Amino acid sequence: MPSPSNCLCGSDEFTRVTVRQKSGELYTTEFVSCRACGVMYHRPDLAKPIEAMTPSAATTCAGSAG
């Protein structure tokens, strides 16, 4: 597995995600999960921090009455 960058929580430990199919067999996905917080990534090397939303940054629907 390629070396991912740090998770948004700061951890750098990831586990490959596997799921059990209906047949009972395990399928290894392309996703990884942060071992510290559980967030899943498809490409953790591209993860970017999410900007905090403030009331001034909120937008309204153009068609709303008000």
N, C-alpha and C. Protein backbone atom coordinates (compact mmCIF):
# COMPACT_ATOMS: atom_id res chain seq x y z
N MET A 1 0.85 -1.18 0.00
CA MET A 1 0.00 0.00 0.00
C MET A 1 0.89 1.23 0.00
N PRO A 2 0.57 2.23 -0.81
CA PRO A 2 1.38 3.45 -0.81
C PRO A 2 1.30 4.15 0.54
N SER A 3 2.32 4.86 0.88
CA SER A 3 2.37 5.55 2.16
C SER A 3 1.46 6.78 2.13
N PRO A 4 0.33 6.74 2.88
CA PRO A 4 -0.57 7.89 2.89
C PRO A 4 -0.03 9.01 3.76
N SER A 5 -0.54 10.19 3.55
CA SER A 5 -0.17 11.30 4.40
C SER A 5 -0.94 11.19 5.70
N ASN A 6 -0.79 12.15 6.57
CA ASN A 6 -1.52 12.13 7.83
C ASN A 6 -3.01 12.31 7.61
N CYS A 7 -3.79 11.69 8.49
CA CYS A 7 -5.23 11.88 8.51
C CYS A 7 -5.50 13.29 9.02
N LEU A 8 -6.72 13.76 8.80
CA LEU A 8 -7.09 15.08 9.30
C LEU A 8 -7.00 15.15 10.82
N CYS A 9 -7.07 13.99 11.51
CA CYS A 9 -6.96 13.98 12.97
C CYS A 9 -5.50 14.02 13.41
N GLY A 10 -4.56 13.87 12.46
CA GLY A 10 -3.13 13.92 12.78
C GLY A 10 -2.44 12.57 12.77
N SER A 11 -3.21 11.49 12.79
CA SER A 11 -2.62 10.16 12.80
C SER A 11 -2.01 9.83 11.44
N ASP A 12 -1.01 8.95 11.46
CA ASP A 12 -0.43 8.50 10.20
C ASP A 12 -0.52 6.98 10.07
N GLU A 13 -1.44 6.36 10.84
CA GLU A 13 -1.62 4.91 10.80
C GLU A 13 -2.94 4.57 10.15
N PHE A 14 -2.88 3.78 9.07
CA PHE A 14 -4.06 3.42 8.29
C PHE A 14 -4.14 1.91 8.14
N THR A 15 -5.36 1.41 7.95
CA THR A 15 -5.61 -0.01 7.73
C THR A 15 -6.41 -0.14 6.44
N ARG A 16 -6.06 -1.11 5.61
CA ARG A 16 -6.82 -1.38 4.39
C ARG A 16 -8.21 -1.89 4.79
N VAL A 17 -9.27 -1.39 4.14
CA VAL A 17 -10.64 -1.76 4.46
C VAL A 17 -11.03 -3.04 3.71
N THR A 18 -11.55 -4.01 4.45
CA THR A 18 -12.07 -5.23 3.84
C THR A 18 -13.54 -5.37 4.20
N VAL A 19 -14.31 -5.95 3.31
CA VAL A 19 -15.73 -6.19 3.55
C VAL A 19 -16.04 -7.66 3.26
N ARG A 20 -17.04 -8.17 3.96
CA ARG A 20 -17.46 -9.55 3.72
C ARG A 20 -18.58 -9.55 2.69
N GLN A 21 -18.39 -10.32 1.63
CA GLN A 21 -19.39 -10.44 0.58
C GLN A 21 -20.48 -11.41 1.01
N LYS A 22 -21.61 -11.43 0.28
CA LYS A 22 -22.71 -12.34 0.61
C LYS A 22 -22.25 -13.79 0.63
N SER A 23 -21.27 -14.10 -0.20
CA SER A 23 -20.76 -15.48 -0.26
C SER A 23 -19.94 -15.84 0.98
N GLY A 24 -19.61 -14.82 1.79
CA GLY A 24 -18.81 -15.06 2.99
C GLY A 24 -17.33 -14.75 2.79
N GLU A 25 -16.93 -14.57 1.53
CA GLU A 25 -15.54 -14.25 1.24
C GLU A 25 -15.22 -12.80 1.58
N LEU A 26 -13.98 -12.55 2.00
CA LEU A 26 -13.54 -11.19 2.28
C LEU A 26 -13.04 -10.55 1.00
N TYR A 27 -13.42 -9.29 0.80
CA TYR A 27 -13.00 -8.51 -0.37
C TYR A 27 -12.19 -7.32 0.14
N THR A 28 -10.98 -7.17 -0.34
CA THR A 28 -10.13 -6.04 0.04
C THR A 28 -10.41 -4.88 -0.90
N THR A 29 -10.84 -3.76 -0.34
CA THR A 29 -11.20 -2.59 -1.14
C THR A 29 -9.99 -1.70 -1.39
N GLU A 30 -10.20 -0.64 -2.15
CA GLU A 30 -9.15 0.35 -2.39
C GLU A 30 -9.10 1.38 -1.28
N PHE A 31 -10.03 1.31 -0.33
CA PHE A 31 -10.11 2.30 0.74
C PHE A 31 -9.19 1.95 1.91
N VAL A 32 -8.79 2.98 2.64
CA VAL A 32 -8.06 2.81 3.89
C VAL A 32 -8.81 3.55 4.98
N SER A 33 -8.65 3.08 6.21
CA SER A 33 -9.31 3.68 7.36
C SER A 33 -8.26 4.11 8.38
N CYS A 34 -8.43 5.31 8.92
CA CYS A 34 -7.52 5.80 9.95
C CYS A 34 -7.70 4.95 11.20
N ARG A 35 -6.61 4.47 11.77
CA ARG A 35 -6.68 3.63 12.97
C ARG A 35 -7.07 4.42 14.20
N ALA A 36 -6.85 5.73 14.20
CA ALA A 36 -7.15 6.54 15.38
C ALA A 36 -8.61 6.98 15.43
N CYS A 37 -9.15 7.46 14.30
CA CYS A 37 -10.51 8.02 14.34
C CYS A 37 -11.50 7.28 13.46
N GLY A 38 -11.04 6.40 12.57
CA GLY A 38 -11.93 5.61 11.74
C GLY A 38 -12.37 6.24 10.43
N VAL A 39 -11.95 7.46 10.15
CA VAL A 39 -12.32 8.11 8.89
C VAL A 39 -11.76 7.28 7.74
N MET A 40 -12.59 7.11 6.70
CA MET A 40 -12.17 6.33 5.54
C MET A 40 -11.76 7.25 4.40
N TYR A 41 -10.73 6.84 3.69
CA TYR A 41 -10.21 7.60 2.55
C TYR A 41 -10.05 6.69 1.36
N HIS A 42 -10.29 7.24 0.18
CA HIS A 42 -9.93 6.54 -1.05
C HIS A 42 -8.51 6.92 -1.42
N ARG A 43 -8.19 8.19 -1.27
CA ARG A 43 -6.84 8.70 -1.55
C ARG A 43 -6.42 9.59 -0.39
N PRO A 44 -5.93 9.03 0.71
CA PRO A 44 -5.55 9.87 1.86
C PRO A 44 -4.44 10.84 1.54
N ASP A 45 -3.66 10.57 0.49
CA ASP A 45 -2.59 11.48 0.13
C ASP A 45 -3.15 12.79 -0.43
N LEU A 46 -4.45 12.81 -0.78
CA LEU A 46 -5.07 14.03 -1.30
C LEU A 46 -5.97 14.71 -0.28
N ALA A 47 -6.03 14.20 0.94
CA ALA A 47 -6.91 14.77 1.97
C ALA A 47 -6.51 16.19 2.30
N LYS A 48 -7.50 17.05 2.40
CA LYS A 48 -7.27 18.44 2.75
C LYS A 48 -8.17 18.80 3.92
N PRO A 49 -7.70 19.64 4.82
CA PRO A 49 -8.55 20.04 5.95
C PRO A 49 -9.82 20.72 5.46
N ILE A 50 -10.90 20.46 6.18
CA ILE A 50 -12.18 21.08 5.86
C ILE A 50 -12.25 22.42 6.58
N GLU A 51 -12.61 23.47 5.84
CA GLU A 51 -12.72 24.78 6.46
C GLU A 51 -13.94 24.83 7.36
N ALA A 52 -13.79 25.46 8.50
CA ALA A 52 -14.91 25.61 9.42
C ALA A 52 -15.95 26.53 8.80
N MET A 53 -17.21 26.16 8.95
CA MET A 53 -18.27 26.99 8.41
C MET A 53 -18.70 28.00 9.46
N THR A 54 -18.76 29.23 9.08
CA THR A 54 -19.21 30.29 9.98
C THR A 54 -20.53 30.83 9.45
N PRO A 55 -21.34 31.46 10.31
CA PRO A 55 -22.61 32.01 9.82
C PRO A 55 -22.43 32.97 8.66
N SER A 56 -21.34 33.71 8.62
CA SER A 56 -21.12 34.66 7.52
C SER A 56 -20.79 33.92 6.22
N ALA A 57 -20.35 32.67 6.32
CA ALA A 57 -19.99 31.92 5.13
C ALA A 57 -21.17 31.14 4.56
N ALA A 58 -22.28 31.09 5.30
CA ALA A 58 -23.45 30.36 4.84
C ALA A 58 -24.10 31.06 3.65
N THR A 59 -24.63 30.26 2.76
CA THR A 59 -25.32 30.82 1.59
C THR A 59 -26.79 30.48 1.67
N THR A 60 -27.61 31.23 0.95
CA THR A 60 -29.04 30.97 0.93
C THR A 60 -29.45 30.57 -0.47
N CYS A 61 -30.52 29.86 -0.56
CA CYS A 61 -31.05 29.44 -1.86
C CYS A 61 -31.63 30.66 -2.55
N ALA A 62 -31.33 30.85 -3.81
CA ALA A 62 -31.78 32.04 -4.55
C ALA A 62 -33.30 32.08 -4.67
N GLY A 63 -33.95 30.92 -4.63
CA GLY A 63 -35.39 30.89 -4.80
C GLY A 63 -36.17 30.92 -3.50
N SER A 64 -35.49 31.07 -2.37
CA SER A 64 -36.19 31.03 -1.09
C SER A 64 -36.89 32.35 -0.80
N ALA A 65 -38.01 32.24 -0.14
CA ALA A 65 -38.76 33.46 0.25
C ALA A 65 -38.17 33.98 1.54
N GLY A 66 -38.18 35.24 1.70
CA GLY A 66 -37.65 35.67 2.98
C GLY A 66 -37.43 37.08 3.02
